[in-house]
C-alpha cells in the first residue's frame, strides 16, 4: 500500500494516477485509516489540469465511506 501511496503523491503520469486512485479507493472501503489519508489526496486531484484525472478523483471521492 505504501508504494501505491507514493505513486499517488509523486507521479505525474495520468495512467499511473488513474489506476492507483482506483486501487486505493477499492481498498479504502475496508480501511478507515486509508480513507482518512486518501480523501485529501483525491480532493487535491480534483483540481488537476488533466480532465481524466479530475473526473476519476471526483467520481472516487463520492464512493468513499464517510
PDB file of N, CA and C in Angstrom:
ATOM      1  N   UNK A   1       0.821  -1.185   0.000  1.00  0.00           N
ATOM      2  CA  UNK A   1       0.000   0.000   0.000  1.00  0.00           C
ATOM      3  C   UNK A   1       0.871   1.258   0.000  1.00  0.00           C
ATOM      4  N   UNK A   2       1.976   1.241   0.717  1.00  0.00           N
ATOM      5  CA  UNK A   2       2.853   2.413   0.789  1.00  0.00           C
ATOM      6  C   UNK A   2       3.393   2.776  -0.597  1.00  0.00           C
ATOM      7  N   UNK A   3       3.688   1.783  -1.390  1.00  0.00           N
ATOM      8  CA  UNK A   3       4.175   2.040  -2.745  1.00  0.00           C
ATOM      9  C   UNK A   3       3.110   2.766  -3.569  1.00  0.00           C
ATOM     10  N   UNK A   4       1.872   2.296  -3.488  1.00  0.00           N
ATOM     11  CA  UNK A   4       0.800   2.957  -4.235  1.00  0.00           C
ATOM     12  C   UNK A   4       0.555   4.375  -3.727  1.00  0.00           C
ATOM     13  N   UNK A   5       0.669   4.575  -2.441  1.00  0.00           N
ATOM     14  CA  UNK A   5       0.511   5.929  -1.906  1.00  0.00           C
ATOM     15  C   UNK A   5       1.595   6.854  -2.467  1.00  0.00           C
ATOM     16  N   UNK A   6       2.808   6.336  -2.593  1.00  0.00           N
ATOM     17  CA  UNK A   6       3.878   7.167  -3.156  1.00  0.00           C
ATOM     18  C   UNK A   6       3.632   7.454  -4.633  1.00  0.00           C
ATOM     19  N   UNK A   7       3.032   6.506  -5.347  1.00  0.00           N
ATOM     20  CA  UNK A   7       2.673   6.769  -6.745  1.00  0.00           C
ATOM     21  C   UNK A   7       1.657   7.907  -6.821  1.00  0.00           C
ATOM     22  N   UNK A   8       0.685   7.883  -5.928  1.00  0.00           N
ATOM     23  CA  UNK A   8      -0.371   8.891  -5.984  1.00  0.00           C
ATOM     24  C   UNK A   8       0.159  10.283  -5.652  1.00  0.00           C
ATOM     25  N   UNK A   9       1.113  10.359  -4.747  1.00  0.00           N
ATOM     26  CA  UNK A   9       1.640  11.668  -4.362  1.00  0.00           C
ATOM     27  C   UNK A   9       2.791  12.135  -5.238  1.00  0.00           C
ATOM     28  N   UNK A  10       3.463  11.214  -5.922  1.00  0.00           N
ATOM     29  CA  UNK A  10       4.669  11.599  -6.642  1.00  0.00           C
ATOM     30  C   UNK A  10       4.650  11.471  -8.148  1.00  0.00           C
ATOM     31  N   UNK A  11       3.697  10.737  -8.693  1.00  0.00           N
ATOM     32  CA  UNK A  11       3.694  10.517 -10.139  1.00  0.00           C
ATOM     33  C   UNK A  11       3.000  11.665 -10.865  1.00  0.00           C
ATOM     34  N   UNK A  12       3.443  11.932 -12.071  1.00  0.00           N
ATOM     35  CA  UNK A  12       2.780  12.908 -12.947  1.00  0.00           C
ATOM     36  C   UNK A  12       2.101  12.214 -14.121  1.00  0.00           C
ATOM     37  N   UNK A  13       2.241  10.905 -14.211  1.00  0.00           N
ATOM     38  CA  UNK A  13       1.659  10.140 -15.316  1.00  0.00           C
ATOM     39  C   UNK A  13       0.173   9.903 -15.060  1.00  0.00           C
ATOM     40  N   UNK A  14      -0.672  10.326 -15.991  1.00  0.00           N
ATOM     41  CA  UNK A  14      -2.116  10.231 -15.774  1.00  0.00           C
ATOM     42  C   UNK A  14      -2.598   8.790 -15.678  1.00  0.00           C
ATOM     43  N   UNK A  15      -1.956   7.883 -16.381  1.00  0.00           N
ATOM     44  CA  UNK A  15      -2.366   6.471 -16.317  1.00  0.00           C
ATOM     45  C   UNK A  15      -2.051   5.903 -14.933  1.00  0.00           C
ATOM     46  N   UNK A  16      -0.875   6.194 -14.428  1.00  0.00           N
ATOM     47  CA  UNK A  16      -0.486   5.737 -13.088  1.00  0.00           C
ATOM     48  C   UNK A  16      -1.441   6.319 -12.049  1.00  0.00           C
ATOM     49  N   UNK A  17      -1.732   7.603 -12.148  1.00  0.00           N
ATOM     50  CA  UNK A  17      -2.633   8.241 -11.187  1.00  0.00           C
ATOM     51  C   UNK A  17      -4.024   7.626 -11.216  1.00  0.00           C
ATOM     52  N   UNK A  18      -4.582   7.446 -12.404  1.00  0.00           N
ATOM     53  CA  UNK A  18      -5.931   6.882 -12.511  1.00  0.00           C
ATOM     54  C   UNK A  18      -5.996   5.452 -11.980  1.00  0.00           C
ATOM     55  N   UNK A  19      -5.030   4.634 -12.333  1.00  0.00           N
ATOM     56  CA  UNK A  19      -5.025   3.248 -11.866  1.00  0.00           C
ATOM     57  C   UNK A  19      -4.822   3.182 -10.351  1.00  0.00           C
ATOM     58  N   UNK A  20      -3.922   4.002  -9.841  1.00  0.00           N
ATOM     59  CA  UNK A  20      -3.632   3.996  -8.411  1.00  0.00           C
ATOM     60  C   UNK A  20      -4.823   4.488  -7.604  1.00  0.00           C
ATOM     61  N   UNK A  21      -5.479   5.539  -8.074  1.00  0.00           N
ATOM     62  CA  UNK A  21      -6.667   6.037  -7.378  1.00  0.00           C
ATOM     63  C   UNK A  21      -7.723   4.946  -7.263  1.00  0.00           C
ATOM     64  N   UNK A  22      -7.945   4.230  -8.352  1.00  0.00           N
ATOM     65  CA  UNK A  22      -8.958   3.173  -8.351  1.00  0.00           C
ATOM     66  C   UNK A  22      -8.644   2.072  -7.361  1.00  0.00           C
ATOM     67  N   UNK A  23      -7.397   1.639  -7.345  1.00  0.00           N
ATOM     68  CA  UNK A  23      -6.988   0.569  -6.432  1.00  0.00           C
ATOM     69  C   UNK A  23      -7.097   1.013  -4.980  1.00  0.00           C
ATOM     70  N   UNK A  24      -6.568   2.187  -4.674  1.00  0.00           N
ATOM     71  CA  UNK A  24      -6.612   2.677  -3.298  1.00  0.00           C
ATOM     72  C   UNK A  24      -8.051   2.922  -2.833  1.00  0.00           C
ATOM     73  N   UNK A  25      -8.904   3.411  -3.710  1.00  0.00           N
ATOM     74  CA  UNK A  25     -10.306   3.631  -3.336  1.00  0.00           C
ATOM     75  C   UNK A  25     -11.003   2.307  -3.041  1.00  0.00           C
ATOM     76  N   UNK A  26     -10.694   1.278  -3.811  1.00  0.00           N
ATOM     77  CA  UNK A  26     -11.277  -0.043  -3.553  1.00  0.00           C
ATOM     78  C   UNK A  26     -10.810  -0.575  -2.199  1.00  0.00           C
ATOM     79  N   UNK A  27      -9.544  -0.439  -1.908  1.00  0.00           N
ATOM     80  CA  UNK A  27      -9.006  -0.893  -0.622  1.00  0.00           C
ATOM     81  C   UNK A  27      -9.561  -0.072   0.533  1.00  0.00           C
ATOM     82  N   UNK A  28      -9.827   1.200   0.296  1.00  0.00           N
ATOM     83  CA  UNK A  28     -10.299   2.096   1.358  1.00  0.00           C
ATOM     84  C   UNK A  28     -11.679   1.700   1.867  1.00  0.00           C
ATOM     85  N   UNK A  29     -12.428   0.952   1.094  1.00  0.00           N
ATOM     86  CA  UNK A  29     -13.747   0.506   1.556  1.00  0.00           C
ATOM     87  C   UNK A  29     -13.637  -0.373   2.796  1.00  0.00           C
ATOM     88  N   UNK A  30     -12.453  -0.944   3.006  1.00  0.00           N
ATOM     89  CA  UNK A  30     -12.214  -1.840   4.137  1.00  0.00           C
ATOM     90  C   UNK A  30     -11.266  -1.241   5.174  1.00  0.00           C
ATOM     91  N   UNK A  31     -10.785  -0.025   4.965  1.00  0.00           N
ATOM     92  CA  UNK A  31      -9.716   0.526   5.804  1.00  0.00           C
ATOM     93  C   UNK A  31      -9.972   2.006   6.099  1.00  0.00           C
ATOM     94  N   UNK A  32     -10.444   2.281   7.295  1.00  0.00           N
ATOM     95  CA  UNK A  32     -10.788   3.649   7.682  1.00  0.00           C
ATOM     96  C   UNK A  32      -9.567   4.568   7.653  1.00  0.00           C
ATOM     97  N   UNK A  33      -8.419   4.065   8.077  1.00  0.00           N
ATOM     98  CA  UNK A  33      -7.196   4.885   8.066  1.00  0.00           C
ATOM     99  C   UNK A  33      -6.827   5.277   6.639  1.00  0.00           C
ATOM    100  N   UNK A  34      -7.018   4.375   5.716  1.00  0.00           N
ATOM    101  CA  UNK A  34      -6.728   4.683   4.321  1.00  0.00           C
ATOM    102  C   UNK A  34      -7.703   5.736   3.791  1.00  0.00           C
ATOM    103  N   UNK A  35      -8.947   5.669   4.184  1.00  0.00           N
ATOM    104  CA  UNK A  35      -9.922   6.691   3.778  1.00  0.00           C
ATOM    105  C   UNK A  35      -9.456   8.067   4.241  1.00  0.00           C
ATOM    106  N   UNK A  36      -9.004   8.155   5.497  1.00  0.00           N
ATOM    107  CA  UNK A  36      -8.540   9.446   6.036  1.00  0.00           C
ATOM    108  C   UNK A  36      -7.340   9.978   5.253  1.00  0.00           C
ATOM    109  N   UNK A  37      -6.468   9.097   4.800  1.00  0.00           N
ATOM    110  CA  UNK A  37      -5.306   9.529   4.025  1.00  0.00           C
ATOM    111  C   UNK A  37      -5.714   9.869   2.588  1.00  0.00           C
ATOM    112  N   UNK A  38      -6.597   9.046   2.014  1.00  0.00           N
ATOM    113  CA  UNK A  38      -6.927   9.159   0.591  1.00  0.00           C
ATOM    114  C   UNK A  38      -7.817  10.348   0.266  1.00  0.00           C
ATOM    115  N   UNK A  39      -8.745  10.668   1.140  1.00  0.00           N
ATOM    116  CA  UNK A  39      -9.701  11.747   0.844  1.00  0.00           C
ATOM    117  C   UNK A  39      -9.008  13.058   0.463  1.00  0.00           C
ATOM    118  N   UNK A  40      -8.046  13.568   1.246  1.00  0.00           N
ATOM    119  CA  UNK A  40      -7.402  14.832   0.835  1.00  0.00           C
ATOM    120  C   UNK A  40      -6.598  14.705  -0.460  1.00  0.00           C
ATOM    121  N   UNK A  41      -6.049  13.537  -0.707  1.00  0.00           N
ATOM    122  CA  UNK A  41      -5.305  13.346  -1.962  1.00  0.00           C
ATOM    123  C   UNK A  41      -6.251  13.396  -3.155  1.00  0.00           C
ATOM    124  N   UNK A  42      -7.406  12.761  -3.033  1.00  0.00           N
ATOM    125  CA  UNK A  42      -8.381  12.817  -4.122  1.00  0.00           C
ATOM    126  C   UNK A  42      -8.919  14.234  -4.294  1.00  0.00           C
ATOM    127  N   UNK A  43      -9.139  14.931  -3.180  1.00  0.00           N
ATOM    128  CA  UNK A  43      -9.597  16.328  -3.279  1.00  0.00           C
ATOM    129  C   UNK A  43      -8.566  17.174  -4.014  1.00  0.00           C
ATOM    130  N   UNK A  44      -7.301  16.939  -3.744  1.00  0.00           N
ATOM    131  CA  UNK A  44      -6.230  17.665  -4.450  1.00  0.00           C
ATOM    132  C   UNK A  44      -6.284  17.363  -5.945  1.00  0.00           C
ATOM    133  N   UNK A  45      -6.526  16.115  -6.291  1.00  0.00           N
ATOM    134  CA  UNK A  45      -6.516  15.712  -7.698  1.00  0.00           C
ATOM    135  C   UNK A  45      -7.778  16.165  -8.444  1.00  0.00           C
ATOM    136  N   UNK A  46      -8.819  16.593  -7.735  1.00  0.00           N
ATOM    137  CA  UNK A  46      -9.993  17.123  -8.431  1.00  0.00           C
ATOM    138  C   UNK A  46      -9.685  18.458  -9.107  1.00  0.00           C
ATOM    139  N   UNK A  47      -8.540  19.051  -8.779  1.00  0.00           N
ATOM    140  CA  UNK A  47      -8.118  20.304  -9.415  1.00  0.00           C
ATOM    141  C   UNK A  47      -7.001  20.066 -10.429  1.00  0.00           C
ATOM    142  N   UNK A  48      -6.731  18.825 -10.767  1.00  0.00           N
ATOM    143  CA  UNK A  48      -5.657  18.506 -11.717  1.00  0.00           C
ATOM    144  C   UNK A  48      -5.975  19.091 -13.087  1.00  0.00           C
ATOM    145  N   UNK A  49      -4.940  19.431 -13.824  1.00  0.00           N
ATOM    146  CA  UNK A  49      -5.106  20.031 -15.154  1.00  0.00           C
ATOM    147  C   UNK A  49      -5.651  19.048 -16.189  1.00  0.00           C
ATOM    148  N   UNK A  50      -5.498  17.765 -15.928  1.00  0.00           N
ATOM    149  CA  UNK A  50      -5.960  16.755 -16.879  1.00  0.00           C
ATOM    150  C   UNK A  50      -7.372  16.307 -16.528  1.00  0.00           C
ATOM    151  N   UNK A  51      -8.241  16.387 -17.519  1.00  0.00           N
ATOM    152  CA  UNK A  51      -9.654  16.063 -17.296  1.00  0.00           C
ATOM    153  C   UNK A  51      -9.893  14.663 -16.789  1.00  0.00           C
ATOM    154  N   UNK A  52      -9.182  13.681 -17.305  1.00  0.00           N
ATOM    155  CA  UNK A  52      -9.424  12.296 -16.879  1.00  0.00           C
ATOM    156  C   UNK A  52      -9.062  12.104 -15.413  1.00  0.00           C
ATOM    157  N   UNK A  53      -8.021  12.760 -14.957  1.00  0.00           N
ATOM    158  CA  UNK A  53      -7.611  12.659 -13.553  1.00  0.00           C
ATOM    159  C   UNK A  53      -8.637  13.367 -12.668  1.00  0.00           C
ATOM    160  N   UNK A  54      -9.060  14.552 -13.077  1.00  0.00           N
ATOM    161  CA  UNK A  54     -10.086  15.296 -12.320  1.00  0.00           C
ATOM    162  C   UNK A  54     -11.369  14.498 -12.181  1.00  0.00           C
ATOM    163  N   UNK A  55     -11.844  13.965 -13.302  1.00  0.00           N
ATOM    164  CA  UNK A  55     -13.110  13.219 -13.283  1.00  0.00           C
ATOM    165  C   UNK A  55     -13.014  11.961 -12.431  1.00  0.00           C
ATOM    166  N   UNK A  56     -11.908  11.234 -12.563  1.00  0.00           N
ATOM    167  CA  UNK A  56     -11.732   9.998 -11.782  1.00  0.00           C
ATOM    168  C   UNK A  56     -11.668  10.310 -10.290  1.00  0.00           C
ATOM    169  N   UNK A  57     -10.932  11.338  -9.909  1.00  0.00           N
ATOM    170  CA  UNK A  57     -10.834  11.717  -8.492  1.00  0.00           C
ATOM    171  C   UNK A  57     -12.207  12.112  -7.946  1.00  0.00           C
ATOM    172  N   UNK A  58     -12.954  12.886  -8.706  1.00  0.00           N
ATOM    173  CA  UNK A  58     -14.293  13.312  -8.286  1.00  0.00           C
ATOM    174  C   UNK A  58     -15.206  12.114  -8.109  1.00  0.00           C
ATOM    175  N   UNK A  59     -15.176  11.216  -9.073  1.00  0.00           N
ATOM    176  CA  UNK A  59     -16.033  10.017  -9.010  1.00  0.00           C
ATOM    177  C   UNK A  59     -15.673   9.160  -7.800  1.00  0.00           C
ATOM    178  N   UNK A  60     -14.392   8.948  -7.578  1.00  0.00           N
ATOM    179  CA  UNK A  60     -13.966   8.077  -6.479  1.00  0.00           C
ATOM    180  C   UNK A  60     -14.221   8.707  -5.122  1.00  0.00           C
ATOM    181  N   UNK A  61     -14.116  10.023  -5.019  1.00  0.00           N
ATOM    182  CA  UNK A  61     -14.446  10.703  -3.759  1.00  0.00           C
ATOM    183  C   UNK A  61     -15.867  10.383  -3.317  1.00  0.00           C
ATOM    184  N   UNK A  62     -16.760  10.337  -4.278  1.00  0.00           N
ATOM    185  CA  UNK A  62     -18.174  10.073  -3.970  1.00  0.00           C
ATOM    186  C   UNK A  62     -18.396   8.639  -3.485  1.00  0.00           C
ATOM    187  N   UNK A  63     -17.470   7.742  -3.767  1.00  0.00           N
ATOM    188  CA  UNK A  63     -17.659   6.343  -3.367  1.00  0.00           C
ATOM    189  C   UNK A  63     -17.030   6.014  -2.017  1.00  0.00           C
ATOM    190  N   UNK A  64     -16.219   6.932  -1.481  1.00  0.00           N
ATOM    191  CA  UNK A  64     -15.543   6.647  -0.210  1.00  0.00           C
ATOM    192  C   UNK A  64     -16.534   6.649   0.946  1.00  0.00           C
ATOM    193  N   UNK A  65     -16.350   5.734   1.882  1.00  0.00           N
ATOM    194  CA  UNK A  65     -17.205   5.750   3.070  1.00  0.00           C
ATOM    195  C   UNK A  65     -16.939   7.004   3.901  1.00  0.00           C
ATOM    196  N   UNK A  66     -17.959   7.481   4.562  1.00  0.00           N
ATOM    197  CA  UNK A  66     -17.783   8.719   5.352  1.00  0.00           C
ATOM    198  C   UNK A  66     -17.309   8.442   6.756  1.00  0.00           C
TER     199      UNK A  66
END
